[in-house]
Protein backbone atom coordinates (compact mmCIF):
# COMPACT_ATOMS: atom_id res chain seq x y z
CA ILE A 1 -41.98 -12.07 -27.47
CA THR A 2 -43.60 -14.23 -30.15
CA LEU A 3 -47.09 -13.35 -31.29
CA ALA A 4 -49.38 -15.54 -33.40
CA LEU A 5 -51.45 -13.58 -35.91
CA PHE A 6 -54.33 -15.75 -37.08
CA GLY A 7 -55.92 -15.27 -40.49
CA GLU A 8 -52.85 -13.43 -41.82
CA ASP A 9 -50.10 -14.13 -44.33
CA HIS A 10 -46.86 -12.70 -45.69
CA THR A 11 -48.53 -9.38 -46.53
CA ILE A 12 -48.96 -8.28 -42.92
CA GLY A 13 -45.96 -10.28 -41.67
CA ASN A 14 -43.48 -8.53 -43.94
CA ALA A 15 -45.07 -5.09 -43.50
CA LEU A 16 -44.96 -5.41 -39.70
CA ARG A 17 -41.40 -6.69 -39.78
CA TRP A 18 -40.36 -3.70 -41.91
CA GLN A 19 -42.15 -1.18 -39.68
CA LEU A 20 -40.76 -2.65 -36.47
CA MET A 21 -37.22 -2.56 -37.81
CA GLN A 22 -37.63 1.20 -38.34
CA TYR A 23 -37.53 1.59 -34.55
CA GLU A 24 -33.77 1.08 -34.39
CA GLY A 25 -33.38 2.45 -30.87
CA GLU A 26 -36.01 0.10 -29.47
CA VAL A 27 -36.10 -3.09 -31.55
CA ASP A 28 -33.05 -5.36 -31.77
CA PHE A 29 -34.64 -8.09 -33.87
CA CYS A 30 -37.86 -8.76 -35.70
CA GLY A 31 -38.78 -11.62 -37.96
CA TYR A 32 -41.77 -13.69 -38.92
CA THR A 33 -42.56 -17.16 -40.15
CA MET A 34 -45.57 -18.94 -41.50
CA PRO A 35 -45.62 -22.39 -39.87
CA HIS A 36 -47.31 -24.01 -42.85
CA PRO A 37 -48.26 -22.67 -46.31
CA SER A 38 -51.84 -23.91 -46.05
CA GLU A 39 -52.39 -22.34 -42.63
CA ALA A 40 -53.24 -18.63 -42.47
CA LYS A 41 -51.11 -17.86 -39.43
CA VAL A 42 -48.01 -15.73 -38.91
CA HIS A 43 -45.59 -16.05 -36.01
CA LEU A 44 -44.08 -12.62 -35.34
CA ARG A 45 -40.94 -12.59 -33.19
CA VAL A 46 -39.89 -9.26 -31.67
CA GLN A 47 -36.88 -8.70 -29.44
CA CYS A 48 -36.59 -5.26 -27.88
CA ARG A 49 -33.96 -3.40 -25.93
CA GLU A 50 -34.09 -3.56 -22.16
CA GLY A 51 -36.92 -1.49 -20.73
CA VAL A 52 -38.96 -1.51 -23.96
CA VAL A 53 -42.26 -3.40 -23.90
CA ALA A 54 -42.55 -5.42 -27.10
CA VAL A 55 -46.36 -5.47 -27.15
CA ASP A 56 -46.43 -1.66 -26.98
CA VAL A 57 -43.99 -1.41 -29.88
CA VAL A 58 -46.09 -3.82 -31.96
CA LYS A 59 -49.24 -1.79 -31.22
CA ARG A 60 -47.44 1.39 -32.32
CA ALA A 61 -46.22 -0.35 -35.48
CA LEU A 62 -49.79 -1.31 -36.36
CA VAL A 63 -50.97 2.29 -35.84
CA ASP A 64 -48.05 3.62 -37.92
CA LEU A 65 -48.73 1.13 -40.72
CA ARG A 66 -52.38 2.09 -40.77
CA ALA A 67 -51.44 5.76 -41.14
CA LEU A 68 -48.95 4.88 -43.89
CA PHE A 69 -51.53 2.86 -45.81
CA GLN A 70 -54.17 5.59 -45.45
CA ASP A 71 -51.70 8.15 -46.78
CA LEU A 72 -50.78 5.85 -49.66
CA LYS A 73 -54.46 5.31 -50.46
CA GLY A 74 -55.03 9.08 -50.49
CA GLN A 75 -52.07 9.73 -52.77
CA PHE A 76 -53.16 6.94 -55.09
CA GLY A 77 -56.69 8.35 -55.28
CA GLU A 78 -55.36 11.84 -56.01
CA SER A 79 -53.11 10.48 -58.73
CA LEU A 80 -56.03 8.62 -60.33
CA GLY A 81 -58.14 11.76 -60.12
CA ARG A 82 -55.49 13.75 -61.97
CA GLY A 83 -55.07 11.02 -64.56
CA ASP A 84 -51.41 10.46 -63.58
CA TYR A 85 -51.17 6.91 -64.87
CA GLU A 86 -50.56 4.96 -68.02
CA GLN A 87 -53.23 2.89 -69.66
């Protein structure tokens, strides 16, 4: 399946590609392209094993990425609160 993600760039394309490739037992291939540098659009290509619905795997990847980013945001906030950073 190839999905077009409008209004997006390499940030979400690469993050989604990485997350989808974590599902080794389900995803055989995942890659993305940006058709043109001045166009905010990502083409995400996902090839899954037989019996796996690609759209469902992409939805799960988005949910998993959201959880990952929320956790990262929480850890970052805690670190800032403790003063664990260099100025």
